C-alpha atoms as a PDB file:
ATOM      1  CA  MET A   1      -0.148  -0.065  -0.009  1.00  0.00           C
ATOM      2  CA  SER A   2       1.462   3.222  -0.914  1.00  0.00           C
ATOM      3  CA  SER A   3       1.549   6.435   1.076  1.00  0.00           C
ATOM      4  CA  ASP A   4      -0.602   8.291  -1.250  1.00  0.00           C
ATOM      5  CA  THR A   5      -4.303   9.020  -0.617  1.00  0.00           C
ATOM      6  CA  LEU A   6      -6.585   5.896  -0.692  1.00  0.00           C
ATOM      7  CA  SER A   7      -8.549   5.370  -3.815  1.00  0.00           C
ATOM      8  CA  ASP A   8     -11.697   3.750  -2.205  1.00  0.00           C
ATOM      9  CA  PRO A   9     -11.637   2.729   1.409  1.00  0.00           C
ATOM     10  CA  GLU A  10     -14.408   0.335   0.920  1.00  0.00           C
ATOM     11  CA  ILE A  11     -12.293  -1.962  -1.595  1.00  0.00           C
ATOM     12  CA  GLN A  12      -8.814  -1.956   0.402  1.00  0.00           C
ATOM     13  CA  SER A  13      -7.368  -5.272   1.048  1.00  0.00           C
ATOM     14  CA  PRO A  14      -7.066  -6.113   4.690  1.00  0.00           C
ATOM     15  CA  ILE A  15      -3.752  -5.162   6.393  1.00  0.00           C
ATOM     16  CA  THR A  16      -1.944  -5.778   9.578  1.00  0.00           C
ATOM     17  CA  LEU A  17      -1.511  -3.440  12.334  1.00  0.00           C
ATOM     18  CA  ASP A  18       2.411  -3.676  11.754  1.00  0.00           C
ATOM     19  CA  GLU A  19       1.668  -2.704   8.142  1.00  0.00           C
ATOM     20  CA  TYR A  20      -0.517   0.156   9.193  1.00  0.00           C
ATOM     21  CA  LEU A  21       2.162   1.658  11.647  1.00  0.00           C
ATOM     22  CA  HIS A  22       4.920   1.211   9.004  1.00  0.00           C
ATOM     23  CA  THR A  23       2.827   3.179   6.272  1.00  0.00           C
ATOM     24  CA  ALA A  24       2.372   6.976   5.758  1.00  0.00           C
ATOM     25  CA  TYR A  25      -0.922   8.006   4.815  1.00  0.00           C
ATOM     26  CA  HIS A  26      -1.576  11.438   3.692  1.00  0.00           C
ATOM     27  CA  PRO A  27      -4.007  12.384   5.330  1.00  0.00           C
ATOM     28  CA  ASP A  28      -3.314  10.270   8.070  1.00  0.00           C
ATOM     29  CA  CYS A  29      -6.351   7.038   8.370  1.00  0.00           C
ATOM     30  CA  ASP A  30      -7.742   5.190  10.807  1.00  0.00           C
ATOM     31  CA  PHE A  31      -7.157   1.242  11.186  1.00  0.00           C
ATOM     32  CA  VAL A  32     -10.090  -0.586  12.093  1.00  0.00           C
ATOM     33  CA  ASP A  33      -9.904  -4.498  12.708  1.00  0.00           C
ATOM     34  CA  GLY A  34      -7.633  -4.818   9.351  1.00  0.00           C
ATOM     35  CA  GLU A  35      -9.283  -1.820   7.127  1.00  0.00           C
ATOM     36  CA  VAL A  36      -7.698   1.569   6.441  1.00  0.00           C
ATOM     37  CA  GLN A  37     -10.493   3.858   6.808  1.00  0.00           C
ATOM     38  CA  GLU A  38     -10.216   7.541   5.378  1.00  0.00           C
ATOM     39  CA  ARG A  39     -10.560  10.314   7.419  1.00  0.00           C
ATOM     40  CA  LEU A  40     -12.415  13.464   5.971  1.00  0.00           C
ATOM     41  CA  TRP A  41      -9.922  16.410   6.488  1.00  0.00           C
ATOM     42  CA  GLY A  42      -8.596  19.202   4.021  1.00  0.00           C
ATOM     43  CA  GLU A  43     -11.590  21.458   4.257  1.00  0.00           C
ATOM     44  CA  ALA A  44     -11.303  25.022   5.495  1.00  0.00           C
ATOM     45  CA  GLU A  45     -13.956  24.947   8.044  1.00  0.00           C
ATOM     46  CA  HIS A  46     -12.509  21.444   9.470  1.00  0.00           C
ATOM     47  CA  SER A  47      -8.939  22.649   9.768  1.00  0.00           C
ATOM     48  CA  GLN A  48      -9.908  25.869  11.141  1.00  0.00           C
ATOM     49  CA  THR A  49     -11.950  24.375  13.778  1.00  0.00           C
ATOM     50  CA  GLN A  50      -9.049  22.071  14.502  1.00  0.00           C
ATOM     51  CA  ALA A  51      -6.763  25.084  14.884  1.00  0.00           C
ATOM     52  CA  ALA A  52      -9.405  26.904  17.275  1.00  0.00           C
ATOM     53  CA  LEU A  53      -9.524  23.984  19.292  1.00  0.00           C
ATOM     54  CA  LEU A  54      -5.747  23.465  19.434  1.00  0.00           C
ATOM     55  CA  HIS A  55      -4.909  27.267  20.288  1.00  0.00           C
ATOM     56  CA  CYS A  56      -7.665  27.445  22.999  1.00  0.00           C
ATOM     57  CA  PHE A  57      -6.746  24.292  24.905  1.00  0.00           C
ATOM     58  CA  GLY A  58      -3.221  24.366  24.142  1.00  0.00           C
ATOM     59  CA  SER A  59      -2.821  27.830  25.459  1.00  0.00           C
ATOM     60  CA  GLN A  60      -3.512  26.558  28.738  1.00  0.00           C
ATOM     61  CA  ASP A  61      -1.205  23.608  28.617  1.00  0.00           C
ATOM     62  CA  LYS A  62       0.920  24.789  31.318  1.00  0.00           C
ATOM     63  CA  GLU A  63      -1.402  25.875  33.768  1.00  0.00           C
ATOM     64  CA  TRP A  64      -3.451  22.977  33.485  1.00  0.00           C
ATOM     65  CA  ASN A  65      -0.736  20.189  33.212  1.00  0.00           C
ATOM     66  CA  THR A  66      -1.732  19.132  29.886  1.00  0.00           C
ATOM     67  CA  GLN A  67      -0.688  18.560  26.438  1.00  0.00           C
ATOM     68  CA  THR A  68      -2.635  19.397  23.191  1.00  0.00           C
ATOM     69  CA  LEU A  69      -2.210  17.380  20.257  1.00  0.00           C
ATOM     70  CA  LEU A  70      -3.406  17.790  16.965  1.00  0.00           C
ATOM     71  CA  SER A  71      -4.035  14.600  14.614  1.00  0.00           C
ATOM     72  CA  LEU A  72      -2.682  12.153  17.197  1.00  0.00           C
ATOM     73  CA  ARG A  73      -3.067   7.997  16.776  1.00  0.00           C
ATOM     74  CA  ILE A  74      -4.502   6.592  19.541  1.00  0.00           C
ATOM     75  CA  ARG A  75      -4.756   2.812  19.908  1.00  0.00           C
ATOM     76  CA  VAL A  76      -8.428   2.270  21.357  1.00  0.00           C
ATOM     77  CA  ALA A  77      -8.193  -1.466  20.800  1.00  0.00           C
ATOM     78  CA  PRO A  78      -5.897  -4.047  20.144  1.00  0.00           C
ATOM     79  CA  THR A  79      -7.098  -4.006  16.452  1.00  0.00           C
ATOM     80  CA  ARG A  80      -8.044  -0.566  16.377  1.00  0.00           C
ATOM     81  CA  ILE A  81      -6.585   3.099  15.972  1.00  0.00           C
ATOM     82  CA  ARG A  82      -7.840   6.060  15.498  1.00  0.00           C
ATOM     83  CA  VAL A  83      -6.715   9.464  14.371  1.00  0.00           C
ATOM     84  CA  ALA A  84      -8.381  12.033  16.917  1.00  0.00           C
ATOM     85  CA  ASP A  85      -8.824  15.722  15.531  1.00  0.00           C
ATOM     86  CA  VAL A  86      -7.596  17.122  18.906  1.00  0.00           C
ATOM     87  CA  CYS A  87      -6.757  15.395  22.245  1.00  0.00           C
ATOM     88  CA  LEU A  88      -5.965  16.541  25.669  1.00  0.00           C
ATOM     89  CA  ILE A  89      -3.371  14.349  27.316  1.00  0.00           C
ATOM     90  CA  SER A  90      -2.077  14.889  31.099  1.00  0.00           C
ATOM     91  CA  ARG A  91       1.711  15.222  31.380  1.00  0.00           C
ATOM     92  CA  ASN A  92       1.683  12.766  34.202  1.00  0.00           C
ATOM     93  CA  ALA A  93       0.556  10.343  31.780  1.00  0.00           C
ATOM     94  CA  PRO A  94       2.886   7.562  30.505  1.00  0.00           C
ATOM     95  CA  ARG A  95       4.792   8.770  27.583  1.00  0.00           C
ATOM     96  CA  GLU A  96       3.371   6.797  24.337  1.00  0.00           C
ATOM     97  CA  GLN A  97       4.167   7.262  20.397  1.00  0.00           C
ATOM     98  CA  ILE A  98       0.693   6.025  19.981  1.00  0.00           C
ATOM     99  CA  PRO A  99      -1.102   6.179  22.861  1.00  0.00           C
ATOM    100  CA  THR A 100      -2.738   3.247  24.977  1.00  0.00           C
ATOM    101  CA  THR A 101      -3.370   5.071  27.735  1.00  0.00           C
ATOM    102  CA  PRO A 102      -6.849   7.046  27.844  1.00  0.00           C
ATOM    103  CA  PRO A 103      -6.364  10.777  26.781  1.00  0.00           C
ATOM    104  CA  LEU A 104      -8.379  13.099  29.183  1.00  0.00           C
ATOM    105  CA  ALA A 105     -10.139  14.235  26.376  1.00  0.00           C
ATOM    106  CA  VAL A 106     -10.808  14.150  22.519  1.00  0.00           C
ATOM    107  CA  MET A 107     -12.409  16.544  20.337  1.00  0.00           C
ATOM    108  CA  GLU A 108     -13.729  15.782  16.947  1.00  0.00           C
ATOM    109  CA  VAL A 109     -14.667  18.136  14.415  1.00  0.00           C
ATOM    110  CA  VAL A 110     -17.897  17.035  12.131  1.00  0.00           C
ATOM    111  CA  SER A 111     -17.152  17.356   8.544  1.00  0.00           C
ATOM    112  CA  PRO A 112     -20.057  17.886   5.958  1.00  0.00           C
ATOM    113  CA  GLU A 113     -19.398  14.508   4.211  1.00  0.00           C
ATOM    114  CA  ASP A 114     -18.928  12.413   7.606  1.00  0.00           C
ATOM    115  CA  ARG A 115     -21.184   9.397   7.685  1.00  0.00           C
ATOM    116  CA  VAL A 116     -23.366   9.081  11.076  1.00  0.00           C
ATOM    117  CA  SER A 117     -22.573   5.454  11.370  1.00  0.00           C
ATOM    118  CA  ARG A 118     -18.583   5.761  11.306  1.00  0.00           C
ATOM    119  CA  PHE A 119     -18.932   9.018  13.395  1.00  0.00           C
ATOM    120  CA  LEU A 120     -21.130   6.896  16.133  1.00  0.00           C
ATOM    121  CA  GLU A 121     -18.552   3.915  15.730  1.00  0.00           C
ATOM    122  CA  ARG A 122     -15.476   6.182  16.490  1.00  0.00           C
ATOM    123  CA  ILE A 123     -17.313   7.595  19.769  1.00  0.00           C
ATOM    124  CA  HIS A 124     -18.006   4.137  20.697  1.00  0.00           C
ATOM    125  CA  ASP A 125     -14.176   3.314  20.519  1.00  0.00           C
ATOM    126  CA  TYR A 126     -13.308   6.282  22.419  1.00  0.00           C
ATOM    127  CA  ARG A 127     -15.545   5.293  25.169  1.00  0.00           C
ATOM    128  CA  ASN A 128     -14.896   1.596  24.843  1.00  0.00           C
ATOM    129  CA  MET A 129     -10.979   2.624  25.556  1.00  0.00           C
ATOM    130  CA  GLY A 130     -12.143   4.626  28.794  1.00  0.00           C
ATOM    131  CA  ILE A 131     -11.869   8.162  27.489  1.00  0.00           C
ATOM    132  CA  GLN A 132     -13.995   9.788  29.894  1.00  0.00           C
ATOM    133  CA  HIS A 133     -14.367  13.188  28.030  1.00  0.00           C
ATOM    134  CA  ILE A 134     -15.514  13.272  24.318  1.00  0.00           C
ATOM    135  CA  TRP A 135     -16.616  16.220  22.471  1.00  0.00           C
ATOM    136  CA  VAL A 136     -17.704  17.461  18.715  1.00  0.00           C
ATOM    137  CA  VAL A 137     -18.082  20.726  17.429  1.00  0.00           C
ATOM    138  CA  ASP A 138     -20.030  21.095  14.611  1.00  0.00           C
ATOM    139  CA  PRO A 139     -18.419  24.495  12.376  1.00  0.00           C
ATOM    140  CA  GLN A 140     -21.402  24.330   9.893  1.00  0.00           C
ATOM    141  CA  THR A 141     -24.150  24.702  12.457  1.00  0.00           C
ATOM    142  CA  TYR A 142     -21.946  26.514  15.457  1.00  0.00           C
ATOM    143  CA  LEU A 143     -22.862  23.631  17.763  1.00  0.00           C
ATOM    144  CA  GLY A 144     -20.871  21.974  20.456  1.00  0.00           C
ATOM    145  CA  TYR A 145     -21.565  18.602  21.647  1.00  0.00           C
ATOM    146  CA  ASP A 146     -20.514  16.664  24.712  1.00  0.00           C
ATOM    147  CA  CYS A 147     -20.730  12.682  23.685  1.00  0.00           C
ATOM    148  CA  SER A 148     -19.169  11.535  26.783  1.00  0.00           C
ATOM    149  CA  SER A 149     -22.022   9.575  27.984  1.00  0.00           C
ATOM    150  CA  GLY A 150     -22.721   8.050  24.574  1.00  0.00           C
ATOM    151  CA  SER A 151     -25.527  10.625  23.879  1.00  0.00           C
ATOM    152  CA  TRP A 152     -25.362  13.850  21.969  1.00  0.00           C
ATOM    153  CA  ILE A 153     -25.641  16.223  24.518  1.00  0.00           C
ATOM    154  CA  GLU A 154     -25.715  19.949  23.147  1.00  0.00           C
ATOM    155  CA  THR A 155     -23.126  22.072  25.404  1.00  0.00           C
ATOM    156  CA  GLN A 156     -22.007  25.653  25.368  1.00  0.00           C
ATOM    157  CA  SER A 157     -18.599  25.039  27.066  1.00  0.00           C
ATOM    158  CA  PHE A 158     -16.360  21.794  27.199  1.00  0.00           C
ATOM    159  CA  LYS A 159     -15.254  21.302  30.788  1.00  0.00           C
ATOM    160  CA  ILE A 160     -13.613  18.590  32.957  1.00  0.00           C
ATOM    161  CA  GLU A 161     -15.334  18.377  36.332  1.00  0.00           C
ATOM    162  CA  ASN A 162     -13.285  19.167  39.497  1.00  0.00           C
ATOM    163  CA  SER A 163     -10.304  20.528  37.265  1.00  0.00           C
ATOM    164  CA  PRO A 164      -9.284  23.729  35.791  1.00  0.00           C
ATOM    165  CA  VAL A 165     -10.067  22.598  32.320  1.00  0.00           C
ATOM    166  CA  ALA A 166     -12.924  24.567  30.646  1.00  0.00           C
ATOM    167  CA  VAL A 167     -13.448  26.280  27.351  1.00  0.00           C
ATOM    168  CA  ALA A 168     -16.430  28.172  26.096  1.00  0.00           C
ATOM    169  CA  LEU A 169     -17.820  27.194  23.217  1.00  0.00           C
ATOM    170  CA  SER A 170     -18.054  30.781  22.342  1.00  0.00           C
ATOM    171  CA  VAL A 171     -14.354  31.388  22.522  1.00  0.00           C
ATOM    172  CA  ILE A 172     -13.480  28.468  20.242  1.00  0.00           C
ATOM    173  CA  LEU A 173     -16.131  29.570  17.616  1.00  0.00           C
ATOM    174  CA  ALA A 174     -14.601  33.280  18.015  1.00  0.00           C
ATOM    175  CA  GLU A 175     -11.487  32.080  16.517  1.00  0.00           C
ATOM    176  CA  LEU A 176     -13.258  30.965  13.368  1.00  0.00           C
ATOM    177  CA  ASP A 177     -14.536  34.385  12.682  1.00  0.00           C
END
């Protein structure tokens, strides 16, 4: 498999986890049970929203003792790796190139072409891994959702209870204007 963009993820032959880990995809792809799945990236709104999340959370990293990382591969299960749009990791967490320790939070950005079933599967994988805070921003509707419980709960702020981590959705959206 080349490092070029996949032509059709639905007809790709199964590959091993090792093959996936040693192949560069542009843009990066998820790995789900032997299948390489393209992510939807590259649109201006998606990229701008990722940058806004990175800025709003990353600017507080020292104060919160966190690291805010963009497009990080996370091993959510033995045969599954998800590429989170943005994730928040405790500086006290083990240092891993591909984390197997649940991040404090993951943030996903909805793209117009996202399929609901794949998005729900991604959230399910994050929850099964033990990620306690799963947040979604939809730049088309200017809405934010807390999906931590498995339900899509509209929210005006992304926060971790009993911690200083908190960013108002309005602050994130202001970065998009």
